[in-house]
Amino acid sequence: MADIGKFGFVNDSVKWGWSAEGGLGEFSIKVVRKDMEKSLMGSHQVWCFLWNNWAPRKVNYFGWRAELNRIPSKEELATCGVYFEALLCVNCGYMLESSNHLLVSCMFASNIWWQVCTWLNIPIPLNISSVRQMLEFGLSQDGSKEKKEGDYGCFYGNSLESLE
């Protein structure tokens, strides 16, 4: 990342260069992102949210916020000072209403996930309790790159569907 500011003059015009992975190359967002991930991760494995080109932008954005537990659930709103008589889930009434509960572990959300997995002809996930685990499960399925992207897009879309 320290090399981003290097530039030089070529034929009386400014030429920007990017050195990453040991060589000078074309600048691209993909190269910058990979370089940033390497510098942030070091030797540790860090979860990186993957945006899906097949899914609409608002679905990607919602999936990203849900994975960060930043959708307006009762739990999240209560931390911002919004008062509720009860913080229990509006669907089941048994657990604290959090992003992970609303989208994954609530019995109503679990039913929708079961139907989606059956429709996609993939195994039904067991012992998954967070949006991140569900997205990782979607990425871990066998198939071509296109099938994985399609399945992953369905996982994003289902996150929105389970709230409606």
Protein backbone atom coordinates (compact mmCIF):
# COMPACT_ATOMS: atom_id res chain seq x y z
CA MET A 1 0.00 0.00 0.00
CA ALA A 2 2.93 2.35 0.51
CA ASP A 3 3.59 2.32 -3.23
CA ILE A 4 0.29 3.93 -4.21
CA GLY A 5 1.74 7.45 -4.26
CA LYS A 6 4.63 6.76 -6.63
CA PHE A 7 4.46 8.41 -10.01
CA GLY A 8 6.80 9.65 -12.67
CA PHE A 9 6.86 11.75 -15.82
CA VAL A 10 6.59 10.05 -19.19
CA ASN A 11 6.61 12.19 -22.36
CA ASP A 12 5.77 15.39 -20.42
CA SER A 13 2.71 13.82 -18.78
CA VAL A 14 2.23 12.29 -15.41
CA LYS A 15 2.16 8.50 -15.40
CA TRP A 16 0.88 6.69 -12.33
CA GLY A 17 2.15 3.24 -11.58
CA TRP A 18 1.26 0.56 -9.08
CA SER A 19 3.70 -1.90 -7.68
CA ALA A 20 2.12 -4.90 -6.10
CA GLU A 21 3.33 -8.46 -5.70
CA GLY A 22 6.85 -7.51 -6.60
CA GLY A 23 6.30 -5.84 -9.95
CA LEU A 24 4.95 -2.73 -11.61
CA GLY A 25 1.57 -3.28 -13.16
CA GLU A 26 -1.70 -1.83 -14.27
CA PHE A 27 -3.79 -0.25 -11.57
CA SER A 28 -7.07 -2.03 -10.84
CA ILE A 29 -9.44 -2.15 -7.91
CA LYS A 30 -9.03 -5.93 -7.78
CA VAL A 31 -5.24 -5.63 -7.30
CA VAL A 32 -5.69 -2.96 -4.61
CA ARG A 33 -8.28 -5.07 -2.80
CA LYS A 34 -6.05 -8.16 -2.83
CA ASP A 35 -3.08 -6.09 -1.65
CA MET A 36 -5.16 -4.60 1.17
CA GLU A 37 -6.44 -8.03 2.20
CA LYS A 38 -2.89 -9.37 2.35
CA SER A 39 -1.68 -6.47 4.46
CA LEU A 40 -4.68 -6.69 6.80
CA MET A 41 -4.68 -10.47 7.14
CA GLY A 42 -1.01 -11.15 7.57
CA SER A 43 -0.89 -14.82 8.48
CA HIS A 44 -4.46 -14.87 9.85
CA GLN A 45 -7.48 -16.01 7.90
CA VAL A 46 -10.06 -13.22 7.84
CA TRP A 47 -13.63 -13.45 6.56
CA CYS A 48 -14.12 -11.34 3.47
CA PHE A 49 -17.67 -10.60 2.34
CA LEU A 50 -18.03 -11.49 -1.35
CA TRP A 51 -20.25 -9.28 -3.47
CA ASN A 52 -22.31 -11.19 -6.01
CA ASN A 53 -22.50 -9.70 -9.50
CA TRP A 54 -25.68 -11.66 -10.21
CA ALA A 55 -27.59 -10.19 -7.28
CA PRO A 56 -29.05 -6.68 -7.35
CA ARG A 57 -26.99 -4.06 -5.56
CA LYS A 58 -29.55 -3.63 -2.77
CA VAL A 59 -29.45 -7.39 -2.10
CA ASN A 60 -25.65 -7.35 -1.86
CA TYR A 61 -25.81 -4.35 0.44
CA PHE A 62 -28.40 -6.00 2.66
CA GLY A 63 -26.37 -9.24 2.84
CA TRP A 64 -23.26 -7.28 3.80
CA ARG A 65 -25.10 -5.38 6.53
CA ALA A 66 -26.78 -8.56 7.79
CA GLU A 67 -23.41 -10.33 8.01
CA LEU A 68 -22.13 -7.41 10.11
CA ASN A 69 -25.29 -7.62 12.30
CA ARG A 70 -26.17 -4.07 11.21
CA ILE A 71 -29.77 -4.41 10.06
CA PRO A 72 -32.46 -2.72 12.15
CA SER A 73 -33.40 -5.63 14.39
CA LYS A 74 -34.74 -4.96 17.88
CA GLU A 75 -31.34 -5.83 19.35
CA GLU A 76 -29.54 -3.35 17.10
CA LEU A 77 -32.12 -0.61 17.57
CA ALA A 78 -32.01 -1.04 21.37
CA THR A 79 -28.25 -0.36 21.31
CA CYS A 80 -29.08 2.93 19.56
CA GLY A 81 -31.48 3.95 22.33
CA VAL A 82 -34.81 2.85 20.81
CA TYR A 83 -37.13 1.50 23.51
CA PHE A 84 -39.11 -1.75 23.10
CA GLU A 85 -41.34 -3.41 25.68
CA ALA A 86 -39.89 -6.76 24.67
CA LEU A 87 -36.82 -7.56 22.58
CA LEU A 88 -38.14 -10.99 21.58
CA CYS A 89 -38.49 -12.03 17.95
CA VAL A 90 -41.73 -10.85 16.32
CA ASN A 91 -42.04 -14.15 14.43
CA CYS A 92 -41.47 -16.80 17.10
CA GLY A 93 -41.47 -14.85 20.37
CA TYR A 94 -38.79 -17.12 21.91
CA MET A 95 -35.41 -15.53 21.28
CA LEU A 96 -33.83 -12.07 21.23
CA GLU A 97 -34.49 -10.49 17.82
CA SER A 98 -31.04 -10.15 16.23
CA SER A 99 -29.95 -10.25 12.59
CA ASN A 100 -28.70 -13.79 12.96
CA HIS A 101 -31.88 -14.96 14.64
CA LEU A 102 -34.23 -13.26 12.16
CA LEU A 103 -32.38 -14.51 9.09
CA VAL A 104 -31.03 -17.91 10.15
CA SER A 105 -31.95 -19.47 13.46
CA CYS A 106 -35.63 -18.47 13.88
CA MET A 107 -37.91 -21.41 13.12
CA PHE A 108 -39.63 -19.36 10.41
CA ALA A 109 -36.31 -18.48 8.74
CA SER A 110 -35.15 -22.11 9.09
CA ASN A 111 -38.25 -23.24 7.22
CA ILE A 112 -37.48 -20.85 4.36
CA TRP A 113 -33.83 -22.01 4.26
CA TRP A 114 -35.02 -25.63 4.13
CA GLN A 115 -37.24 -24.80 1.14
CA VAL A 116 -34.47 -22.87 -0.66
CA CYS A 117 -31.93 -25.69 -0.15
CA THR A 118 -34.46 -28.24 -1.39
CA TRP A 119 -35.15 -26.08 -4.46
CA LEU A 120 -31.41 -25.66 -5.16
CA ASN A 121 -30.88 -29.39 -4.62
CA ILE A 122 -28.16 -28.89 -2.01
CA PRO A 123 -27.92 -30.47 1.45
CA ILE A 124 -29.87 -28.80 4.20
CA PRO A 125 -27.41 -27.11 6.60
CA LEU A 126 -27.48 -28.16 10.24
CA ASN A 127 -26.09 -26.28 13.25
CA ILE A 128 -25.80 -22.95 11.45
CA SER A 129 -26.53 -19.98 13.68
CA SER A 130 -25.24 -16.90 11.84
CA VAL A 131 -25.55 -15.17 8.49
CA ARG A 132 -21.79 -15.58 7.96
CA GLN A 133 -22.00 -19.35 8.49
CA MET A 134 -24.93 -19.54 6.06
CA LEU A 135 -23.02 -17.61 3.38
CA GLU A 136 -19.92 -19.77 3.95
CA PHE A 137 -22.14 -22.84 3.59
CA GLY A 138 -23.43 -21.49 0.29
CA LEU A 139 -19.89 -20.95 -0.98
CA SER A 140 -18.75 -24.41 0.09
CA GLN A 141 -21.16 -26.27 -2.20
CA ASP A 142 -19.90 -28.21 -5.20
CA GLY A 143 -20.52 -27.08 -8.75
CA SER A 144 -19.32 -24.74 -11.44
CA LYS A 145 -18.47 -21.12 -10.78
CA GLU A 146 -21.77 -20.06 -12.38
CA LYS A 147 -23.80 -22.48 -10.21
CA LYS A 148 -22.02 -21.28 -7.07
CA GLU A 149 -22.68 -17.63 -7.97
CA GLY A 150 -26.33 -18.44 -8.67
CA ASP A 151 -26.71 -20.35 -5.41
CA TYR A 152 -24.93 -17.57 -3.51
CA GLY A 153 -27.30 -15.03 -5.11
CA CYS A 154 -30.24 -17.13 -3.91
CA PHE A 155 -28.76 -17.11 -0.41
CA TYR A 156 -28.60 -13.30 -0.55
CA GLY A 157 -32.14 -13.01 -1.87
CA ASN A 158 -33.43 -15.43 0.74
CA SER A 159 -32.01 -13.21 3.47
CA LEU A 160 -34.32 -10.46 2.26
CA GLU A 161 -37.25 -12.85 1.78
CA SER A 162 -37.11 -14.17 5.34
CA LEU A 163 -37.75 -10.64 6.66
CA GLU A 164 -40.91 -10.04 4.63
